[in-house]
N, C-alpha and C. Protein backbone atom coordinates (compact mmCIF):
# COMPACT_ATOMS: atom_id res chain seq x y z
N MET A 1 -11.57 1.03 45.95
CA MET A 1 -12.68 0.67 46.46
C MET A 1 -13.52 2.45 46.10
N VAL A 2 -12.30 3.05 46.64
CA VAL A 2 -12.65 4.75 46.67
C VAL A 2 -13.16 4.94 45.88
N GLY A 3 -12.84 4.49 43.93
CA GLY A 3 -13.23 4.74 42.99
C GLY A 3 -14.30 4.71 42.91
N ILE A 4 -14.75 3.22 43.04
CA ILE A 4 -16.51 2.81 43.30
C ILE A 4 -17.20 3.72 43.76
N ILE A 5 -16.73 4.12 45.27
CA ILE A 5 -17.78 5.10 45.83
C ILE A 5 -18.53 6.09 45.44
N ILE A 6 -16.93 6.43 44.57
CA ILE A 6 -16.76 7.86 44.23
C ILE A 6 -17.63 8.00 43.13
N GLY A 7 -17.32 6.89 42.00
CA GLY A 7 -17.75 6.59 41.12
C GLY A 7 -20.13 6.48 41.19
N VAL A 8 -20.19 5.66 41.71
CA VAL A 8 -21.70 5.59 42.62
C VAL A 8 -21.97 6.85 42.80
N GLY A 9 -21.36 7.75 43.81
CA GLY A 9 -22.19 9.14 44.46
C GLY A 9 -22.21 9.89 43.02
N ASN A 10 -21.12 10.00 42.59
CA ASN A 10 -21.39 11.03 41.33
C ASN A 10 -22.62 10.59 40.41
N ALA A 11 -22.64 8.98 39.85
CA ALA A 11 -23.67 8.94 38.50
C ALA A 11 -24.40 9.40 39.50
N MET A 12 -25.01 9.20 40.63
CA MET A 12 -26.43 9.60 41.47
C MET A 12 -26.14 11.09 41.03
N ILE A 13 -25.87 12.13 41.34
CA ILE A 13 -25.79 13.08 41.65
C ILE A 13 -26.07 13.95 40.16
N LEU A 14 -25.07 12.97 39.21
CA LEU A 14 -25.32 13.47 37.74
C LEU A 14 -27.02 12.89 37.07
N ARG A 15 -27.18 11.37 37.91
CA ARG A 15 -28.64 11.40 37.32
C ARG A 15 -29.67 12.52 37.71
N ASN A 16 -29.48 13.04 39.02
CA ASN A 16 -30.71 14.28 39.24
C ASN A 16 -30.67 15.70 38.95
N ASN A 17 -29.29 15.65 37.82
CA ASN A 17 -28.75 16.81 37.15
C ASN A 17 -28.39 17.84 38.31
N ALA A 18 -27.77 17.88 38.90
CA ALA A 18 -26.96 18.59 39.83
C ALA A 18 -25.57 18.34 40.12
N SER A 19 -25.23 18.55 41.10
CA SER A 19 -23.11 18.78 40.57
C SER A 19 -22.80 19.24 41.73
N THR A 20 -21.71 18.48 41.84
CA THR A 20 -20.66 19.06 42.87
C THR A 20 -19.74 20.34 43.02
N GLY A 21 -20.27 21.00 42.06
CA GLY A 21 -19.41 22.38 41.69
C GLY A 21 -17.84 22.03 41.47
N GLY A 22 -17.31 20.27 41.06
CA GLY A 22 -16.33 20.51 40.63
C GLY A 22 -16.04 19.96 39.43
N THR A 23 -15.09 18.78 39.07
CA THR A 23 -14.87 18.68 37.52
C THR A 23 -16.57 18.28 36.67
N GLU A 24 -17.69 17.79 37.77
CA GLU A 24 -18.64 17.39 37.33
C GLU A 24 -19.38 18.70 36.52
N LEU A 25 -19.50 19.50 37.48
CA LEU A 25 -19.95 20.98 36.26
C LEU A 25 -19.45 21.23 35.13
N LEU A 26 -18.28 21.16 35.78
CA LEU A 26 -17.39 21.31 33.95
C LEU A 26 -17.73 20.66 32.60
N SER A 27 -17.81 19.06 33.00
CA SER A 27 -17.50 17.92 32.21
C SER A 27 -19.66 18.00 31.58
N THR A 28 -20.21 18.55 32.42
CA THR A 28 -21.89 18.79 32.81
C THR A 28 -22.40 19.81 31.10
N ILE A 29 -21.71 20.72 31.38
CA ILE A 29 -22.01 22.28 30.92
C ILE A 29 -20.99 21.62 29.48
N ILE A 30 -19.85 21.03 29.25
CA ILE A 30 -18.92 20.82 27.86
C ILE A 30 -20.46 19.47 26.91
N SER A 31 -20.60 19.17 28.12
CA SER A 31 -21.53 17.93 27.16
C SER A 31 -22.53 18.14 26.44
N LYS A 32 -23.45 19.24 27.39
CA LYS A 32 -24.30 19.71 26.59
C LYS A 32 -24.30 20.79 25.59
N THR A 33 -22.65 21.55 25.72
CA THR A 33 -22.84 22.49 24.57
C THR A 33 -22.21 21.06 22.74
N PHE A 34 -21.41 20.46 23.26
CA PHE A 34 -21.11 19.00 22.59
C PHE A 34 -21.96 17.71 22.68
N PRO A 35 -23.35 17.48 22.84
CA PRO A 35 -23.73 16.39 22.74
C PRO A 35 -23.57 15.06 22.21
N THR A 36 -22.32 15.14 21.59
CA THR A 36 -21.59 13.69 21.36
C THR A 36 -20.10 13.26 22.43
N VAL A 37 -19.99 14.20 23.08
CA VAL A 37 -19.14 14.21 24.37
C VAL A 37 -19.84 13.84 26.09
N LYS A 38 -19.50 11.93 25.74
CA LYS A 38 -20.07 11.90 26.69
C LYS A 38 -20.21 12.83 28.25
N THR A 39 -20.64 12.71 29.43
CA THR A 39 -20.05 13.48 30.70
C THR A 39 -19.19 12.52 31.05
N ALA A 40 -19.04 11.15 31.24
CA ALA A 40 -18.25 10.78 31.89
C ALA A 40 -16.79 10.72 31.20
N ASN A 41 -16.71 10.69 30.28
CA ASN A 41 -15.68 10.41 29.29
C ASN A 41 -15.17 12.01 29.84
N MET A 42 -15.67 13.20 29.53
CA MET A 42 -15.24 14.01 30.30
C MET A 42 -14.48 14.53 31.29
N ILE A 43 -15.37 13.74 32.74
CA ILE A 43 -15.13 13.94 33.88
C ILE A 43 -13.60 13.21 34.06
N VAL A 44 -13.52 11.95 33.16
CA VAL A 44 -12.47 11.13 32.90
C VAL A 44 -10.99 12.05 32.86
N ILE A 45 -11.43 12.47 31.36
CA ILE A 45 -10.08 13.68 30.76
C ILE A 45 -9.67 14.52 31.75
N LEU A 46 -10.85 15.55 31.94
CA LEU A 46 -10.49 16.70 32.68
C LEU A 46 -9.89 16.60 34.22
N ASP A 47 -10.69 14.62 34.98
CA ASP A 47 -9.75 14.40 36.26
C ASP A 47 -7.93 14.18 35.89
N THR A 48 -7.39 13.69 34.42
CA THR A 48 -6.66 13.05 34.28
C THR A 48 -5.49 14.44 33.74
N ILE A 49 -6.03 15.19 33.13
CA ILE A 49 -5.12 16.33 32.96
C ILE A 49 -4.86 16.95 34.12
N ILE A 50 -5.86 17.15 35.86
CA ILE A 50 -5.64 17.64 36.78
C ILE A 50 -4.00 17.08 37.54
N VAL A 51 -4.26 15.39 37.31
CA VAL A 51 -4.05 14.81 38.09
C VAL A 51 -2.33 14.22 37.58
N GLY A 52 -2.47 15.06 36.48
CA GLY A 52 -1.58 14.96 35.24
C GLY A 52 -0.18 15.79 35.81
N VAL A 53 -0.59 17.05 35.71
CA VAL A 53 -0.68 18.78 36.60
C VAL A 53 0.52 18.67 37.11
N ASN A 54 -0.48 17.79 38.34
CA ASN A 54 -0.07 17.27 40.37
C ASN A 54 1.05 17.01 39.84
N MET A 55 1.11 15.48 38.98
CA MET A 55 2.24 14.97 38.82
C MET A 55 3.49 15.20 38.21
N ILE A 56 3.57 16.43 37.80
CA ILE A 56 4.85 16.70 37.10
C ILE A 56 5.76 18.21 38.05
N ALA A 57 4.15 18.46 38.66
CA ALA A 57 4.58 20.29 39.42
C ALA A 57 4.80 19.46 40.99
N LEU A 58 4.53 18.51 41.32
CA LEU A 58 4.81 17.81 42.33
C LEU A 58 5.66 16.19 42.69
N LYS A 59 5.47 15.74 41.75
CA LYS A 59 6.53 14.93 41.29
C LYS A 59 6.21 13.38 41.84
N GLN A 60 4.93 13.53 42.26
CA GLN A 60 4.38 12.05 42.84
C GLN A 60 4.22 11.74 42.22
N ILE A 61 4.76 10.49 41.38
CA ILE A 61 4.50 9.95 40.26
C ILE A 61 3.14 8.69 40.60
N GLU A 62 4.26 7.93 42.21
CA GLU A 62 3.15 7.04 42.51
C GLU A 62 1.45 7.06 42.93
N ILE A 63 1.48 8.19 43.60
CA ILE A 63 -0.08 8.79 44.33
C ILE A 63 -0.93 9.30 42.60
N GLY A 64 0.08 9.99 41.66
CA GLY A 64 -0.52 10.24 40.67
C GLY A 64 -0.88 9.09 39.75
N LEU A 65 -0.18 7.63 39.57
CA LEU A 65 -0.54 6.01 39.24
C LEU A 65 -1.33 5.77 39.61
N TYR A 66 -1.91 6.27 41.21
CA TYR A 66 -2.90 5.25 41.49
C TYR A 66 -4.18 6.48 41.48
N SER A 67 -4.68 7.52 41.64
CA SER A 67 -5.09 8.33 40.81
C SER A 67 -5.73 8.34 39.71
N ALA A 68 -4.88 7.83 38.69
CA ALA A 68 -5.22 7.70 37.23
C ALA A 68 -6.30 6.31 37.58
N ILE A 69 -6.11 5.29 38.09
CA ILE A 69 -6.48 3.64 38.20
C ILE A 69 -8.39 4.28 38.98
N ALA A 70 -7.46 5.04 40.01
CA ALA A 70 -9.38 5.19 40.33
C ALA A 70 -10.22 6.59 39.71
N ILE A 71 -9.15 7.34 38.98
CA ILE A 71 -9.92 8.21 37.90
C ILE A 71 -10.61 7.43 36.73
N TYR A 72 -9.93 6.51 36.81
CA TYR A 72 -10.89 5.66 35.41
C TYR A 72 -11.81 4.94 36.10
N ILE A 73 -11.99 3.94 37.19
CA ILE A 73 -12.86 2.82 37.51
C ILE A 73 -14.30 4.36 37.86
N VAL A 74 -13.91 5.47 38.05
CA VAL A 74 -14.81 6.12 38.76
C VAL A 74 -15.61 6.70 36.84
N GLY A 75 -14.73 6.70 36.11
CA GLY A 75 -15.04 7.43 34.88
C GLY A 75 -16.13 6.28 34.37
N LYS A 76 -16.02 4.36 34.88
CA LYS A 76 -16.93 3.37 34.44
C LYS A 76 -17.57 3.36 34.84
N ILE A 77 -18.17 3.71 36.40
CA ILE A 77 -19.47 3.61 37.30
C ILE A 77 -19.95 4.31 36.95
N ILE A 78 -19.33 5.77 36.52
CA ILE A 78 -20.89 6.58 35.88
C ILE A 78 -21.52 6.90 34.91
N GLU A 79 -20.77 6.38 33.98
CA GLU A 79 -20.84 5.40 32.31
C GLU A 79 -22.20 4.61 32.60
N VAL A 80 -21.84 3.48 33.31
CA VAL A 80 -23.15 2.65 33.67
C VAL A 80 -24.34 2.92 34.16
N LEU A 81 -23.45 3.68 35.66
CA LEU A 81 -24.98 4.25 36.11
C LEU A 81 -26.10 5.46 35.81
N ALA A 82 -24.97 6.44 35.49
CA ALA A 82 -25.41 7.84 34.82
C ALA A 82 -26.17 7.50 33.86
N GLU A 83 -24.74 6.93 33.06
CA GLU A 83 -26.00 6.69 31.56
C GLU A 83 -26.36 5.87 31.08
N GLY A 84 -26.29 5.18 31.93
CA GLY A 84 -27.32 3.52 31.33
C GLY A 84 -26.33 2.91 30.46
N ILE A 85 -27.13 1.69 30.81
CA ILE A 85 -26.55 0.16 29.98
C ILE A 85 -27.55 0.27 28.87
N ASN A 86 -27.92 0.67 27.58
CA ASN A 86 -28.18 0.79 26.28
C ASN A 86 -27.83 0.10 25.35
N PHE A 87 -26.51 -0.76 26.09
CA PHE A 87 -26.16 -1.28 24.63
C PHE A 87 -26.46 -2.31 23.33
N THR A 88 -26.57 -2.33 22.58
CA THR A 88 -27.14 -3.59 21.62
C THR A 88 -26.29 -3.57 20.94
N LYS A 89 -27.41 -4.32 19.97
CA LYS A 89 -26.18 -4.98 18.78
C LYS A 89 -26.94 -5.18 17.65
N MET A 90 -26.19 -5.32 16.81
CA MET A 90 -26.56 -5.45 15.44
C MET A 90 -25.99 -6.30 14.57
N ILE A 91 -27.26 -7.11 13.89
CA ILE A 91 -27.15 -8.47 12.98
C ILE A 91 -27.16 -8.09 11.79
N PHE A 92 -26.25 -8.46 10.78
CA PHE A 92 -26.47 -8.41 9.34
C PHE A 92 -26.27 -10.29 8.91
N ILE A 93 -27.08 -10.19 8.10
CA ILE A 93 -27.67 -11.22 7.49
C ILE A 93 -27.62 -11.19 6.09
N VAL A 94 -26.46 -12.39 6.07
CA VAL A 94 -26.95 -12.39 3.56
C VAL A 94 -27.25 -14.39 4.17
N SER A 95 -28.85 -14.14 3.60
CA SER A 95 -29.21 -15.58 3.06
C SER A 95 -29.90 -15.02 2.09
N ASP A 96 -29.99 -16.73 1.16
CA ASP A 96 -31.63 -16.47 0.01
C ASP A 96 -32.30 -16.65 0.95
N LYS A 97 -32.28 -17.17 2.42
CA LYS A 97 -34.00 -16.99 2.56
C LYS A 97 -34.38 -15.63 3.31
N TYR A 98 -33.81 -14.63 3.10
CA TYR A 98 -33.84 -13.57 4.10
C TYR A 98 -35.33 -13.22 4.57
N GLU A 99 -36.26 -13.21 3.29
CA GLU A 99 -38.04 -13.01 3.94
C GLU A 99 -38.28 -14.08 5.12
N GLU A 100 -37.86 -15.43 5.33
CA GLU A 100 -38.27 -16.08 5.90
C GLU A 100 -37.79 -15.49 7.33
N ILE A 101 -36.81 -15.61 6.88
CA ILE A 101 -36.08 -14.93 8.24
C ILE A 101 -36.16 -13.42 9.30
N ALA A 102 -36.25 -12.87 8.54
CA ALA A 102 -37.56 -11.45 8.44
C ALA A 102 -38.86 -11.92 9.50
N LYS A 103 -39.21 -12.85 8.23
CA LYS A 103 -41.08 -12.87 9.18
C LYS A 103 -40.71 -13.51 10.84
N GLU A 104 -39.66 -14.68 10.39
CA GLU A 104 -39.67 -15.62 11.80
C GLU A 104 -38.90 -14.37 13.17
N ILE A 105 -38.33 -13.15 12.55
CA ILE A 105 -37.70 -12.78 13.44
C ILE A 105 -38.88 -11.80 14.12
N SER A 106 -39.60 -11.48 13.11
CA SER A 106 -41.13 -10.36 13.45
C SER A 106 -41.57 -11.55 14.56
N ASP A 107 -41.91 -12.62 13.89
CA ASP A 107 -43.58 -13.25 14.55
C ASP A 107 -42.80 -13.24 15.57
N LYS A 108 -41.44 -13.89 16.05
CA LYS A 108 -41.48 -14.66 17.47
C LYS A 108 -40.57 -13.96 18.59
N LEU A 109 -40.39 -12.84 17.88
CA LEU A 109 -39.25 -11.76 18.71
C LEU A 109 -40.14 -10.92 19.20
N GLU A 110 -41.50 -10.15 17.40
CA GLU A 110 -41.93 -8.77 17.90
C GLU A 110 -40.37 -7.54 16.89
N ARG A 111 -39.62 -7.89 16.78
CA ARG A 111 -38.44 -7.18 15.73
C ARG A 111 -38.70 -7.30 14.55
N GLY A 112 -38.48 -5.47 14.21
CA GLY A 112 -38.60 -5.91 12.93
C GLY A 112 -37.14 -5.34 12.28
N SER A 113 -37.14 -5.78 10.62
CA SER A 113 -36.02 -6.03 10.24
C SER A 113 -36.45 -5.01 8.99
N THR A 114 -35.14 -5.05 7.98
CA THR A 114 -34.65 -4.12 6.94
C THR A 114 -33.65 -4.74 5.71
N ALA A 115 -34.20 -5.12 5.05
CA ALA A 115 -33.62 -5.89 3.69
C ALA A 115 -33.04 -4.97 3.16
N ILE A 116 -31.41 -5.08 2.92
CA ILE A 116 -30.10 -4.09 1.44
C ILE A 116 -30.33 -4.31 0.97
N TYR A 117 -30.00 -4.03 -0.48
CA TYR A 117 -29.56 -4.42 -1.47
C TYR A 117 -27.74 -4.27 -1.64
N ALA A 118 -27.54 -5.76 -1.89
CA ALA A 118 -26.41 -5.85 -1.81
C ALA A 118 -25.53 -6.20 -2.97
N LYS A 119 -24.23 -6.41 -2.85
CA LYS A 119 -23.86 -6.95 -4.49
C LYS A 119 -23.05 -7.56 -3.74
N GLY A 120 -22.31 -9.14 -3.75
CA GLY A 120 -21.25 -10.01 -3.53
C GLY A 120 -20.44 -9.97 -4.01
N MET A 121 -19.17 -9.77 -4.04
CA MET A 121 -17.84 -8.87 -5.54
C MET A 121 -17.53 -10.57 -5.03
N TYR A 122 -17.42 -11.30 -4.72
CA TYR A 122 -16.44 -12.57 -4.15
C TYR A 122 -17.50 -13.21 -5.52
N LYS A 123 -18.72 -13.86 -5.88
CA LYS A 123 -19.53 -14.44 -6.78
C LYS A 123 -19.67 -13.85 -8.02
N GLU A 124 -19.96 -12.01 -7.65
CA GLU A 124 -20.61 -10.69 -8.45
C GLU A 124 -22.04 -11.10 -8.30
N GLU A 125 -22.37 -11.78 -6.95
CA GLU A 125 -24.32 -11.87 -7.17
C GLU A 125 -24.87 -11.19 -6.30
N GLU A 126 -26.13 -10.45 -7.03
CA GLU A 126 -26.62 -9.69 -6.15
C GLU A 126 -27.20 -10.20 -5.54
N LYS A 127 -27.35 -9.54 -3.75
CA LYS A 127 -27.81 -10.23 -2.48
C LYS A 127 -28.72 -9.22 -1.72
N MET A 128 -29.38 -9.88 -1.28
CA MET A 128 -30.13 -9.03 -0.28
C MET A 128 -29.06 -9.35 1.42
N ILE A 129 -29.03 -8.36 2.49
CA ILE A 129 -28.60 -8.64 3.48
C ILE A 129 -29.64 -7.54 4.59
N LEU A 130 -30.18 -9.26 5.27
CA LEU A 130 -30.70 -8.40 6.73
C LEU A 130 -30.46 -7.78 7.97
N TRP A 131 -30.84 -6.66 7.52
CA TRP A 131 -30.10 -5.96 8.66
C TRP A 131 -31.24 -6.05 10.03
N CYS A 132 -30.90 -6.05 11.30
CA CYS A 132 -31.37 -6.12 12.77
C CYS A 132 -30.51 -5.08 13.70
N VAL A 133 -31.58 -4.75 14.73
CA VAL A 133 -30.84 -4.31 15.72
C VAL A 133 -31.97 -4.81 17.23
N ALA A 134 -31.19 -5.32 18.16
CA ALA A 134 -31.81 -6.05 18.73
C ALA A 134 -31.00 -5.94 19.87
N SER A 135 -30.94 -6.63 21.20
CA SER A 135 -30.38 -6.65 22.63
C SER A 135 -29.66 -7.87 22.64
N LYS A 136 -28.55 -8.30 23.52
CA LYS A 136 -27.31 -9.08 23.64
C LYS A 136 -27.78 -10.53 24.09
N ASN A 137 -29.77 -10.21 24.31
CA ASN A 137 -30.31 -11.40 24.28
C ASN A 137 -30.98 -12.50 23.20
N GLU A 138 -31.71 -11.02 22.49
CA GLU A 138 -32.39 -11.75 21.28
C GLU A 138 -31.32 -12.05 20.38
N ILE A 139 -30.24 -10.95 20.17
CA ILE A 139 -29.21 -11.46 19.41
C ILE A 139 -29.21 -13.36 19.18
N THR A 140 -28.75 -14.22 19.89
CA THR A 140 -28.43 -15.48 19.75
C THR A 140 -29.66 -15.68 19.53
N LYS A 141 -30.96 -15.38 19.76
CA LYS A 141 -32.73 -16.44 19.29
C LYS A 141 -32.71 -15.60 17.66
N ILE A 142 -31.73 -14.75 17.38
CA ILE A 142 -31.85 -14.36 15.69
C ILE A 142 -31.16 -15.41 15.02
N ARG A 143 -29.85 -15.52 15.75
CA ARG A 143 -28.53 -16.36 15.35
C ARG A 143 -29.09 -17.67 14.84
N ARG A 144 -30.29 -18.38 16.16
CA ARG A 144 -30.62 -19.91 15.90
C ARG A 144 -31.81 -19.64 15.02
N ILE A 145 -32.04 -18.58 14.60
CA ILE A 145 -33.96 -18.73 13.62
C ILE A 145 -33.28 -18.68 12.18
N ALA A 146 -32.07 -17.40 11.54
CA ALA A 146 -31.31 -17.94 10.26
C ALA A 146 -30.57 -19.03 10.50
N SER A 147 -29.64 -19.72 11.39
CA SER A 147 -29.05 -20.84 11.16
C SER A 147 -30.12 -22.21 10.79
N ASN A 148 -31.16 -21.84 11.70
CA ASN A 148 -32.32 -23.64 11.49
C ASN A 148 -33.14 -22.96 10.15
N LEU A 149 -33.27 -21.77 9.42
CA LEU A 149 -33.71 -21.68 7.76
C LEU A 149 -32.81 -21.58 6.90
N ASP A 150 -31.85 -21.19 7.49
CA ASP A 150 -30.79 -21.47 6.19
C ASP A 150 -29.01 -22.13 6.80
N LYS A 151 -28.85 -22.84 6.30
CA LYS A 151 -27.67 -23.87 6.28
C LYS A 151 -26.17 -22.63 5.79
N ASN A 152 -26.43 -22.11 5.43
CA ASN A 152 -25.54 -21.14 4.17
C ASN A 152 -25.54 -20.25 4.90
N SER A 153 -26.55 -19.57 6.13
CA SER A 153 -26.30 -17.88 5.89
C SER A 153 -25.26 -18.00 6.35
N PHE A 154 -24.64 -16.68 6.64
CA PHE A 154 -23.25 -15.74 6.57
C PHE A 154 -24.43 -14.86 7.81
N MET A 155 -23.04 -14.37 8.78
CA MET A 155 -24.00 -13.62 9.76
C MET A 155 -22.55 -12.99 10.27
N THR A 156 -23.37 -11.84 10.66
CA THR A 156 -21.95 -10.70 11.52
C THR A 156 -22.31 -9.89 12.27
N ILE A 157 -22.14 -9.78 13.66
CA ILE A 157 -22.74 -9.44 14.67
C ILE A 157 -21.91 -7.51 14.91
N PHE A 158 -22.96 -6.97 15.58
CA PHE A 158 -21.20 -5.77 16.20
C PHE A 158 -22.48 -4.86 17.08
N ASN A 159 -21.37 -4.34 17.77
CA ASN A 159 -22.35 -3.89 19.03
C ASN A 159 -22.59 -2.52 18.46
N ALA A 160 -23.57 -2.24 19.30
CA ALA A 160 -24.32 -0.33 18.97
C ALA A 160 -24.44 -0.28 20.21
N ARG A 161 -23.34 1.03 20.25
CA ARG A 161 -23.77 1.65 22.20
C ARG A 161 -25.06 1.93 22.41
N GLU A 162 -26.04 2.72 21.22
CA GLU A 162 -27.38 3.00 21.94
C GLU A 162 -27.91 2.81 20.81
N ALA A 163 -29.38 2.09 21.02
CA ALA A 163 -30.53 2.75 19.54
C ALA A 163 -31.96 3.02 20.20
N TYR A 164 -32.83 4.53 19.58
CA TYR A 164 -33.34 4.43 19.80
C TYR A 164 -34.16 4.84 18.52
N GLY A 165 -35.41 4.96 19.25
CA GLY A 165 -37.11 5.05 18.21
C GLY A 165 -37.58 3.34 19.32
N LEU A 166 -38.67 3.42 18.19
CA LEU A 166 -39.86 2.09 18.63
C LEU A 166 -38.87 1.12 19.28
N GLY A 167 -39.09 0.37 20.17
CA GLY A 167 -38.93 -0.86 20.55
C GLY A 167 -37.38 -0.36 21.10
N PHE A 168 -36.93 0.59 21.53
CA PHE A 168 -35.60 1.12 21.91
C PHE A 168 -35.90 2.14 22.95
N LYS A 169 -35.19 2.71 23.28
CA LYS A 169 -34.49 4.34 23.69
C LYS A 169 -35.39 5.37 23.42
N GLU A 170 -36.47 5.85 24.06
CA GLU A 170 -37.07 7.28 23.09
C GLU A 170 -35.85 8.57 23.95
N GLU A 171 -36.22 9.67 22.61
CA GLU A 171 -35.78 10.42 23.23
C GLU A 171 -35.95 11.34 23.52
């Protein structure tokens, strides 16, 4: 419970570009210097190092383990609340009816897609792969569209942490 409360508090502070002056400040500085490093992850790393040193120095293993659990929860709460839930999905659709599928996705979901030239190595045939990035809810609809238009379509779905641009988050 403590981890949740601390996580919510820290997330509110970070969302307002403020700091408590603790590891959040150092994490924010590191994240600004290295944009690929998420603030929430840096807070978890720094806090874990501090707790680890304390566990070794004070030989308080049990307290350290409870602290590690709280740190993990704090990090997850900050990640969700401060950095947002921007999870999107990517879907690759291999189908001879890729143009029809792309049109249906565009017409029904107002979502764009991209056709990529590929060569299937199993049958050594040239194919088109339809690539589309969409929300979790839209992926189910896209799967249904592809399946209805081509029962033999082959689809793979991937998690995409973030998407930027038209129809998604703007930087």
